[in-house]
Amino acid sequence: MGELILCRQPMAATPFYIENASLNIYSLEELCYYIYHNTETLDPMLISDELLGWIDQELSFTALSERLRTQKRSGMPFHVQIETILSSCGYLTPAEIRDTVHDIMLFMELSPEEKKKRIADQLLKKGRIRRAILNYQEILKIPGISRSFYGDVCHNIGYAYARAFLFREASEYYRMAYERNTSSKSLSQMLFCLMETGDEKAIDKAVEDFHIRPDQIEMARKVFKAASESDQVKKAQDEALKKENVFYGLREDYIRKYGA
């Protein structure tokens, strides 16, 4: 799990594999830990027959397994089933359980596209850049999403590519974002990415296409210069160059979709 977890309950000889997280868990405490730290990536499919069988057979918590089966058959809301699990082993405090259940309730009220975006946001936050980008791109295929929401998703894809130091790809998504959400943040980030590439023709085109005033582009250049001179930025760029092969798949995905 990445952290030491004190387990007071039995440990399973055979772990339960959570596919969405590529994670093996061996105890109820680890299951509660996973739920607590991943409220925005949980899916009702988590409480599957396989999980209930594992709780029964591997952990010998037959009563808990049967209670969850009854709740599932009766159509009990997902957050109630989660509360049953969290309350079963004492790993979390009552306040932590209450807050977790509340967060899950709010998440379940979101639209399908908003849920998918939250999940992608969490993946990006955890540094799983390629998977986040793939999830964001799936959202863009959903019919009927609003223009501004489409733009916000494009902005996040741009940010993901920029984190991978793939600035040309990032600039294209920031452009797509600004064309739909007209956010000054998307416009600024597009300009910064183009400045990173040193593509003055592309910058001139952006200035013309979006009617950017001379004082605005001058200010953007000053901000970019100040940021690029930061020791922290230089260090991050050097590290990225050392690990360029990590981002090769991202570049290949982009080329397959949009061409070189």
C-alpha atoms as a PDB file:
ATOM      1  CA  MET A   1       0.000   0.000   0.000  1.00  0.00           C
ATOM      2  CA  GLY A   2       3.025   2.308   0.331  1.00  0.00           C
ATOM      3  CA  GLU A   3       2.463   2.995   4.047  1.00  0.00           C
ATOM      4  CA  LEU A   4       2.653   0.912   7.216  1.00  0.00           C
ATOM      5  CA  ILE A   5      -0.877  -0.063   8.252  1.00  0.00           C
ATOM      6  CA  LEU A   6      -1.552  -1.539  11.687  1.00  0.00           C
ATOM      7  CA  CYS A   7      -3.856  -4.507  11.143  1.00  0.00           C
ATOM      8  CA  ARG A   8      -5.857  -5.882  14.064  1.00  0.00           C
ATOM      9  CA  GLN A   9      -8.007  -8.132  11.869  1.00  0.00           C
ATOM     10  CA  PRO A  10      -6.985 -11.333  10.030  1.00  0.00           C
ATOM     11  CA  MET A  11      -4.738 -11.067   6.990  1.00  0.00           C
ATOM     12  CA  ALA A  12      -5.730 -12.925   3.824  1.00  0.00           C
ATOM     13  CA  ALA A  13      -3.462 -15.601   2.429  1.00  0.00           C
ATOM     14  CA  THR A  14      -4.681 -14.632  -1.045  1.00  0.00           C
ATOM     15  CA  PRO A  15      -5.051 -10.889  -1.749  1.00  0.00           C
ATOM     16  CA  PHE A  16      -7.978  -9.195  -3.433  1.00  0.00           C
ATOM     17  CA  TYR A  17      -6.914  -7.390  -6.608  1.00  0.00           C
ATOM     18  CA  ILE A  18      -8.443  -3.965  -7.258  1.00  0.00           C
ATOM     19  CA  GLU A  19      -8.087  -3.647 -11.014  1.00  0.00           C
ATOM     20  CA  ASN A  20      -8.705   0.095 -11.323  1.00  0.00           C
ATOM     21  CA  ALA A  21      -5.836   0.786  -8.936  1.00  0.00           C
ATOM     22  CA  SER A  22      -3.618  -2.177  -9.915  1.00  0.00           C
ATOM     23  CA  LEU A  23      -3.481  -2.958  -6.220  1.00  0.00           C
ATOM     24  CA  ASN A  24      -3.473  -6.054  -4.027  1.00  0.00           C
ATOM     25  CA  ILE A  25      -5.042  -5.769  -0.569  1.00  0.00           C
ATOM     26  CA  TYR A  26      -4.717  -8.301   2.244  1.00  0.00           C
ATOM     27  CA  SER A  27      -6.978  -7.010   5.022  1.00  0.00           C
ATOM     28  CA  LEU A  28     -10.061  -4.977   5.876  1.00  0.00           C
ATOM     29  CA  GLU A  29      -7.777  -2.208   7.137  1.00  0.00           C
ATOM     30  CA  GLU A  30      -6.122  -1.986   3.731  1.00  0.00           C
ATOM     31  CA  LEU A  31      -9.532  -1.937   2.042  1.00  0.00           C
ATOM     32  CA  CYS A  32     -10.612   0.926   4.319  1.00  0.00           C
ATOM     33  CA  TYR A  33      -7.347   2.751   3.648  1.00  0.00           C
ATOM     34  CA  TYR A  34      -7.922   2.427  -0.094  1.00  0.00           C
ATOM     35  CA  ILE A  35     -11.514   3.702   0.165  1.00  0.00           C
ATOM     36  CA  TYR A  36     -10.534   6.617   2.404  1.00  0.00           C
ATOM     37  CA  HIS A  37      -7.825   7.836   0.021  1.00  0.00           C
ATOM     38  CA  ASN A  38      -9.711   7.228  -3.226  1.00  0.00           C
ATOM     39  CA  THR A  39     -13.240   8.535  -2.688  1.00  0.00           C
ATOM     40  CA  GLU A  40     -13.262  10.202  -6.117  1.00  0.00           C
ATOM     41  CA  THR A  41     -12.249   7.111  -8.036  1.00  0.00           C
ATOM     42  CA  LEU A  42     -14.614   4.626  -6.404  1.00  0.00           C
ATOM     43  CA  ASP A  43     -17.175   2.797  -8.478  1.00  0.00           C
ATOM     44  CA  PRO A  44     -20.182   0.786  -7.236  1.00  0.00           C
ATOM     45  CA  MET A  45     -18.640  -2.161  -9.077  1.00  0.00           C
ATOM     46  CA  LEU A  46     -16.069  -2.265  -6.267  1.00  0.00           C
ATOM     47  CA  ILE A  47     -18.571  -4.132  -4.093  1.00  0.00           C
ATOM     48  CA  SER A  48     -18.667  -7.118  -6.384  1.00  0.00           C
ATOM     49  CA  ASP A  49     -19.473 -10.761  -5.752  1.00  0.00           C
ATOM     50  CA  GLU A  50     -15.734 -11.385  -5.936  1.00  0.00           C
ATOM     51  CA  LEU A  51     -15.031  -8.882  -3.134  1.00  0.00           C
ATOM     52  CA  LEU A  52     -17.816 -10.285  -0.974  1.00  0.00           C
ATOM     53  CA  GLY A  53     -16.541 -13.811  -1.541  1.00  0.00           C
ATOM     54  CA  TRP A  54     -13.027 -12.701  -0.577  1.00  0.00           C
ATOM     55  CA  ILE A  55     -14.294 -11.059   2.626  1.00  0.00           C
ATOM     56  CA  ASP A  56     -16.129 -14.269   3.490  1.00  0.00           C
ATOM     57  CA  GLN A  57     -13.632 -16.919   2.460  1.00  0.00           C
ATOM     58  CA  GLU A  58     -10.253 -15.241   2.911  1.00  0.00           C
ATOM     59  CA  LEU A  59     -10.961 -13.021   5.914  1.00  0.00           C
ATOM     60  CA  SER A  60     -13.689 -15.178   7.510  1.00  0.00           C
ATOM     61  CA  PHE A  61     -15.990 -12.192   7.970  1.00  0.00           C
ATOM     62  CA  THR A  62     -19.092 -14.106   6.960  1.00  0.00           C
ATOM     63  CA  ALA A  63     -21.515 -11.815   8.806  1.00  0.00           C
ATOM     64  CA  LEU A  64     -20.111  -8.731   7.077  1.00  0.00           C
ATOM     65  CA  SER A  65     -20.205 -10.456   3.702  1.00  0.00           C
ATOM     66  CA  GLU A  66     -23.831 -11.482   4.169  1.00  0.00           C
ATOM     67  CA  ARG A  67     -24.838  -8.021   5.354  1.00  0.00           C
ATOM     68  CA  LEU A  68     -23.277  -6.489   2.245  1.00  0.00           C
ATOM     69  CA  ARG A  69     -24.990  -9.066   0.024  1.00  0.00           C
ATOM     70  CA  THR A  70     -28.336  -8.189   1.571  1.00  0.00           C
ATOM     71  CA  GLN A  71     -27.725  -4.480   1.067  1.00  0.00           C
ATOM     72  CA  LYS A  72     -26.690  -5.057  -2.529  1.00  0.00           C
ATOM     73  CA  ARG A  73     -29.746  -7.195  -3.328  1.00  0.00           C
ATOM     74  CA  SER A  74     -32.095  -4.649  -1.773  1.00  0.00           C
ATOM     75  CA  GLY A  75     -30.613  -1.812  -3.823  1.00  0.00           C
ATOM     76  CA  MET A  76     -29.083  -0.005  -0.867  1.00  0.00           C
ATOM     77  CA  PRO A  77     -27.164   3.119  -1.986  1.00  0.00           C
ATOM     78  CA  PHE A  78     -23.462   2.691  -2.624  1.00  0.00           C
ATOM     79  CA  HIS A  79     -22.456   5.077   0.167  1.00  0.00           C
ATOM     80  CA  VAL A  80     -24.401   2.991   2.708  1.00  0.00           C
ATOM     81  CA  GLN A  81     -22.533  -0.140   1.630  1.00  0.00           C
ATOM     82  CA  ILE A  82     -19.241   1.729   1.932  1.00  0.00           C
ATOM     83  CA  GLU A  83     -20.189   2.907   5.427  1.00  0.00           C
ATOM     84  CA  THR A  84     -20.833  -0.721   6.392  1.00  0.00           C
ATOM     85  CA  ILE A  85     -17.317  -1.666   5.301  1.00  0.00           C
ATOM     86  CA  LEU A  86     -15.642   1.312   6.967  1.00  0.00           C
ATOM     87  CA  SER A  87     -17.458   0.648  10.248  1.00  0.00           C
ATOM     88  CA  SER A  88     -16.443  -2.995  10.327  1.00  0.00           C
ATOM     89  CA  CYS A  89     -12.880  -2.859  11.645  1.00  0.00           C
ATOM     90  CA  GLY A  90     -12.210   0.382  13.524  1.00  0.00           C
ATOM     91  CA  TYR A  91      -9.472   1.583  11.191  1.00  0.00           C
ATOM     92  CA  LEU A  92     -11.070   5.014  10.724  1.00  0.00           C
ATOM     93  CA  THR A  93     -12.518   7.326  13.349  1.00  0.00           C
ATOM     94  CA  PRO A  94     -16.283   8.056  13.300  1.00  0.00           C
ATOM     95  CA  ALA A  95     -15.528  11.546  11.944  1.00  0.00           C
ATOM     96  CA  GLU A  96     -13.356  10.136   9.137  1.00  0.00           C
ATOM     97  CA  ILE A  97     -16.070   7.635   8.230  1.00  0.00           C
ATOM     98  CA  ARG A  98     -18.697  10.380   8.190  1.00  0.00           C
ATOM     99  CA  ASP A  99     -16.572  12.645   5.970  1.00  0.00           C
ATOM    100  CA  THR A 100     -15.699   9.798   3.595  1.00  0.00           C
ATOM    101  CA  VAL A 101     -19.327   8.766   3.190  1.00  0.00           C
ATOM    102  CA  HIS A 102     -20.305  12.402   2.628  1.00  0.00           C
ATOM    103  CA  ASP A 103     -17.653  12.811  -0.084  1.00  0.00           C
ATOM    104  CA  ILE A 104     -18.875   9.649  -1.821  1.00  0.00           C
ATOM    105  CA  MET A 105     -22.485  10.883  -1.698  1.00  0.00           C
ATOM    106  CA  LEU A 106     -21.473  14.148  -3.378  1.00  0.00           C
ATOM    107  CA  PHE A 107     -19.423  12.290  -5.993  1.00  0.00           C
ATOM    108  CA  MET A 108     -22.303   9.965  -6.872  1.00  0.00           C
ATOM    109  CA  GLU A 109     -24.548  12.988  -7.550  1.00  0.00           C
ATOM    110  CA  LEU A 110     -22.283  14.237 -10.323  1.00  0.00           C
ATOM    111  CA  SER A 111     -23.062  13.697 -14.000  1.00  0.00           C
ATOM    112  CA  PRO A 112     -21.260  10.795 -15.739  1.00  0.00           C
ATOM    113  CA  GLU A 113     -18.833  13.138 -17.480  1.00  0.00           C
ATOM    114  CA  GLU A 114     -18.085  15.014 -14.249  1.00  0.00           C
ATOM    115  CA  LYS A 115     -17.370  11.721 -12.481  1.00  0.00           C
ATOM    116  CA  LYS A 116     -14.988  10.686 -15.238  1.00  0.00           C
ATOM    117  CA  LYS A 117     -13.228  14.047 -15.028  1.00  0.00           C
ATOM    118  CA  ARG A 118     -12.814  13.744 -11.258  1.00  0.00           C
ATOM    119  CA  ILE A 119     -11.275  10.312 -11.718  1.00  0.00           C
ATOM    120  CA  ALA A 120      -8.897  11.607 -14.388  1.00  0.00           C
ATOM    121  CA  ASP A 121      -8.024  14.584 -12.171  1.00  0.00           C
ATOM    122  CA  GLN A 122      -7.070  12.228  -9.352  1.00  0.00           C
ATOM    123  CA  LEU A 123      -4.929  10.126 -11.679  1.00  0.00           C
ATOM    124  CA  LEU A 124      -3.118  13.257 -12.830  1.00  0.00           C
ATOM    125  CA  LYS A 125      -2.665  14.435  -9.256  1.00  0.00           C
ATOM    126  CA  LYS A 126      -1.026  11.104  -8.414  1.00  0.00           C
ATOM    127  CA  GLY A 127       1.367  11.418 -11.350  1.00  0.00           C
ATOM    128  CA  ARG A 128      -0.246   8.737 -13.518  1.00  0.00           C
ATOM    129  CA  ILE A 129      -0.011  11.038 -16.506  1.00  0.00           C
ATOM    130  CA  ARG A 130      -0.559   8.669 -19.405  1.00  0.00           C
ATOM    131  CA  ARG A 131      -3.598   7.031 -17.848  1.00  0.00           C
ATOM    132  CA  ALA A 132      -5.028  10.438 -16.949  1.00  0.00           C
ATOM    133  CA  ILE A 133      -4.675  11.627 -20.548  1.00  0.00           C
ATOM    134  CA  LEU A 134      -6.398   8.504 -21.871  1.00  0.00           C
ATOM    135  CA  ASN A 135      -9.263   9.032 -19.410  1.00  0.00           C
ATOM    136  CA  TYR A 136      -9.608  12.702 -20.383  1.00  0.00           C
ATOM    137  CA  GLN A 137      -9.666  11.788 -24.060  1.00  0.00           C
ATOM    138  CA  GLU A 138     -12.490   9.323 -23.437  1.00  0.00           C
ATOM    139  CA  ILE A 139     -14.510  12.174 -21.922  1.00  0.00           C
ATOM    140  CA  LEU A 140     -14.101  14.206 -25.107  1.00  0.00           C
ATOM    141  CA  LYS A 141     -15.901  11.426 -26.996  1.00  0.00           C
ATOM    142  CA  ILE A 142     -19.046  11.740 -24.850  1.00  0.00           C
ATOM    143  CA  PRO A 143     -21.832  13.259 -26.974  1.00  0.00           C
ATOM    144  CA  GLY A 144     -23.654  16.303 -25.696  1.00  0.00           C
ATOM    145  CA  ILE A 145     -21.116  17.653 -23.211  1.00  0.00           C
ATOM    146  CA  SER A 146     -21.092  21.426 -22.982  1.00  0.00           C
ATOM    147  CA  ARG A 147     -18.605  23.518 -24.918  1.00  0.00           C
ATOM    148  CA  SER A 148     -17.045  24.995 -21.775  1.00  0.00           C
ATOM    149  CA  PHE A 149     -16.727  21.578 -20.097  1.00  0.00           C
ATOM    150  CA  TYR A 150     -15.048  20.232 -23.250  1.00  0.00           C
ATOM    151  CA  GLY A 151     -12.639  23.155 -23.056  1.00  0.00           C
ATOM    152  CA  ASP A 152     -11.861  22.524 -19.391  1.00  0.00           C
ATOM    153  CA  VAL A 153     -11.035  18.892 -20.145  1.00  0.00           C
ATOM    154  CA  CYS A 154      -8.750  19.995 -22.996  1.00  0.00           C
ATOM    155  CA  HIS A 155      -7.047  22.387 -20.572  1.00  0.00           C
ATOM    156  CA  ASN A 156      -6.294  19.524 -18.199  1.00  0.00           C
ATOM    157  CA  ILE A 157      -4.932  17.393 -21.036  1.00  0.00           C
ATOM    158  CA  GLY A 158      -2.683  20.306 -21.945  1.00  0.00           C
ATOM    159  CA  TYR A 159      -1.499  20.487 -18.357  1.00  0.00           C
ATOM    160  CA  ALA A 160      -0.814  16.735 -18.341  1.00  0.00           C
ATOM    161  CA  TYR A 161       1.311  16.970 -21.489  1.00  0.00           C
ATOM    162  CA  ALA A 162       3.132  19.992 -20.079  1.00  0.00           C
ATOM    163  CA  ARG A 163       3.957  18.012 -16.940  1.00  0.00           C
ATOM    164  CA  ALA A 164       5.562  15.480 -19.251  1.00  0.00           C
ATOM    165  CA  PHE A 165       7.502  18.339 -20.918  1.00  0.00           C
ATOM    166  CA  LEU A 166       5.730  17.656 -24.229  1.00  0.00           C
ATOM    167  CA  PHE A 167       5.058  21.330 -24.817  1.00  0.00           C
ATOM    168  CA  ARG A 168       3.977  21.262 -28.454  1.00  0.00           C
ATOM    169  CA  GLU A 169       1.304  18.695 -27.699  1.00  0.00           C
ATOM    170  CA  ALA A 170       0.321  20.700 -24.623  1.00  0.00           C
ATOM    171  CA  SER A 171      -0.023  23.911 -26.650  1.00  0.00           C
ATOM    172  CA  GLU A 172      -2.446  22.240 -29.062  1.00  0.00           C
ATOM    173  CA  TYR A 173      -4.744  21.173 -26.252  1.00  0.00           C
ATOM    174  CA  TYR A 174      -4.528  24.574 -24.570  1.00  0.00           C
ATOM    175  CA  ARG A 175      -5.536  26.118 -27.903  1.00  0.00           C
ATOM    176  CA  MET A 176      -8.508  23.752 -28.133  1.00  0.00           C
ATOM    177  CA  ALA A 177      -9.374  24.682 -24.562  1.00  0.00           C
ATOM    178  CA  TYR A 178      -9.295  28.424 -25.146  1.00  0.00           C
ATOM    179  CA  GLU A 179     -11.371  28.118 -28.314  1.00  0.00           C
ATOM    180  CA  ARG A 180     -14.142  26.629 -26.176  1.00  0.00           C
ATOM    181  CA  ASN A 181     -13.849  28.028 -22.659  1.00  0.00           C
ATOM    182  CA  THR A 182     -12.250  31.429 -23.497  1.00  0.00           C
ATOM    183  CA  SER A 183     -10.303  31.167 -20.247  1.00  0.00           C
ATOM    184  CA  SER A 184      -7.369  33.542 -19.955  1.00  0.00           C
ATOM    185  CA  LYS A 185      -5.553  30.780 -18.070  1.00  0.00           C
ATOM    186  CA  SER A 186      -5.810  28.446 -21.080  1.00  0.00           C
ATOM    187  CA  LEU A 187      -4.575  31.216 -23.375  1.00  0.00           C
ATOM    188  CA  SER A 188      -1.619  32.036 -21.129  1.00  0.00           C
ATOM    189  CA  GLN A 189      -0.600  28.402 -20.805  1.00  0.00           C
ATOM    190  CA  MET A 190      -0.788  27.966 -24.583  1.00  0.00           C
ATOM    191  CA  LEU A 191       1.581  30.918 -25.049  1.00  0.00           C
ATOM    192  CA  PHE A 192       3.992  29.635 -22.390  1.00  0.00           C
ATOM    193  CA  CYS A 193       4.131  26.215 -24.063  1.00  0.00           C
ATOM    194  CA  LEU A 194       4.774  27.776 -27.464  1.00  0.00           C
ATOM    195  CA  MET A 195       7.548  29.870 -25.933  1.00  0.00           C
ATOM    196  CA  GLU A 196       9.069  26.672 -24.538  1.00  0.00           C
ATOM    197  CA  THR A 197       9.165  25.248 -28.056  1.00  0.00           C
ATOM    198  CA  GLY A 198      10.673  28.460 -29.437  1.00  0.00           C
ATOM    199  CA  ASP A 199       8.136  28.413 -32.287  1.00  0.00           C
ATOM    200  CA  GLU A 200       7.767  32.128 -33.040  1.00  0.00           C
ATOM    201  CA  LYS A 201       5.594  31.463 -36.104  1.00  0.00           C
ATOM    202  CA  ALA A 202       3.103  29.610 -33.938  1.00  0.00           C
ATOM    203  CA  ILE A 203       3.169  32.445 -31.403  1.00  0.00           C
ATOM    204  CA  ASP A 204       2.519  34.997 -34.176  1.00  0.00           C
ATOM    205  CA  LYS A 205      -0.380  32.877 -35.417  1.00  0.00           C
ATOM    206  CA  ALA A 206      -1.863  32.712 -31.933  1.00  0.00           C
ATOM    207  CA  VAL A 207      -1.522  36.484 -31.565  1.00  0.00           C
ATOM    208  CA  GLU A 208      -3.351  36.945 -34.872  1.00  0.00           C
ATOM    209  CA  ASP A 209      -6.016  34.299 -34.296  1.00  0.00           C
ATOM    210  CA  PHE A 210      -6.932  35.445 -30.795  1.00  0.00           C
ATOM    211  CA  HIS A 211      -6.296  39.185 -31.204  1.00  0.00           C
ATOM    212  CA  ILE A 212      -3.716  39.301 -28.424  1.00  0.00           C
ATOM    213  CA  ARG A 213      -2.547  42.850 -27.715  1.00  0.00           C
ATOM    214  CA  PRO A 214       1.184  43.703 -27.823  1.00  0.00           C
ATOM    215  CA  ASP A 215       1.234  44.536 -24.105  1.00  0.00           C
ATOM    216  CA  GLN A 216      -0.338  41.141 -23.314  1.00  0.00           C
ATOM    217  CA  ILE A 217       2.231  39.162 -25.274  1.00  0.00           C
ATOM    218  CA  GLU A 218       5.030  41.257 -23.756  1.00  0.00           C
ATOM    219  CA  MET A 219       3.759  40.505 -20.262  1.00  0.00           C
ATOM    220  CA  ALA A 220       3.509  36.798 -21.115  1.00  0.00           C
ATOM    221  CA  ARG A 221       7.139  36.819 -22.264  1.00  0.00           C
ATOM    222  CA  LYS A 222       8.270  38.469 -19.018  1.00  0.00           C
ATOM    223  CA  VAL A 223       6.405  35.927 -16.918  1.00  0.00           C
ATOM    224  CA  PHE A 224       7.795  33.077 -18.998  1.00  0.00           C
ATOM    225  CA  LYS A 225      11.354  34.394 -18.725  1.00  0.00           C
ATOM    226  CA  ALA A 226      11.100  34.734 -14.965  1.00  0.00           C
ATOM    227  CA  ALA A 227       9.704  31.213 -14.622  1.00  0.00           C
ATOM    228  CA  SER A 228      12.257  29.628 -16.953  1.00  0.00           C
ATOM    229  CA  GLU A 229      15.108  31.122 -14.930  1.00  0.00           C
ATOM    230  CA  SER A 230      13.909  29.411 -11.779  1.00  0.00           C
ATOM    231  CA  ASP A 231      16.402  26.841 -10.471  1.00  0.00           C
ATOM    232  CA  GLN A 232      13.514  24.553  -9.617  1.00  0.00           C
ATOM    233  CA  VAL A 233      12.202  24.618 -13.193  1.00  0.00           C
ATOM    234  CA  LYS A 234      15.659  23.973 -14.633  1.00  0.00           C
ATOM    235  CA  LYS A 235      16.147  21.022 -12.300  1.00  0.00           C
ATOM    236  CA  ALA A 236      12.789  19.560 -13.279  1.00  0.00           C
ATOM    237  CA  GLN A 237      13.595  19.932 -16.968  1.00  0.00           C
ATOM    238  CA  ASP A 238      16.950  18.219 -16.516  1.00  0.00           C
ATOM    239  CA  GLU A 239      15.289  15.327 -14.715  1.00  0.00           C
ATOM    240  CA  ALA A 240      12.713  15.042 -17.487  1.00  0.00           C
ATOM    241  CA  LEU A 241      15.403  14.815 -20.144  1.00  0.00           C
ATOM    242  CA  LYS A 242      17.023  11.964 -18.218  1.00  0.00           C
ATOM    243  CA  LYS A 243      13.708  10.121 -18.193  1.00  0.00           C
ATOM    244  CA  GLU A 244      12.566  11.005 -21.708  1.00  0.00           C
ATOM    245  CA  ASN A 245      11.827   7.362 -22.499  1.00  0.00           C
ATOM    246  CA  VAL A 246       9.087   7.446 -19.845  1.00  0.00           C
ATOM    247  CA  PHE A 247       7.146   9.906 -22.008  1.00  0.00           C
ATOM    248  CA  TYR A 248       7.770   8.191 -25.339  1.00  0.00           C
ATOM    249  CA  GLY A 249       4.381   6.468 -25.231  1.00  0.00           C
ATOM    250  CA  LEU A 250       2.615   9.789 -24.725  1.00  0.00           C
ATOM    251  CA  ARG A 251       4.262  11.259 -27.786  1.00  0.00           C
ATOM    252  CA  GLU A 252       3.435   8.194 -29.864  1.00  0.00           C
ATOM    253  CA  ASP A 253      -0.212   8.319 -28.756  1.00  0.00           C
ATOM    254  CA  TYR A 254      -0.402  11.963 -29.821  1.00  0.00           C
ATOM    255  CA  ILE A 255       1.199  11.330 -33.211  1.00  0.00           C
ATOM    256  CA  ARG A 256      -1.138   8.419 -33.949  1.00  0.00           C
ATOM    257  CA  LYS A 257      -4.137  10.603 -33.219  1.00  0.00           C
ATOM    258  CA  TYR A 258      -3.143  13.929 -34.759  1.00  0.00           C
ATOM    259  CA  GLY A 259      -0.130  13.251 -36.963  1.00  0.00           C
ATOM    260  CA  ALA A 260       3.416  14.469 -36.484  1.00  0.00           C
END
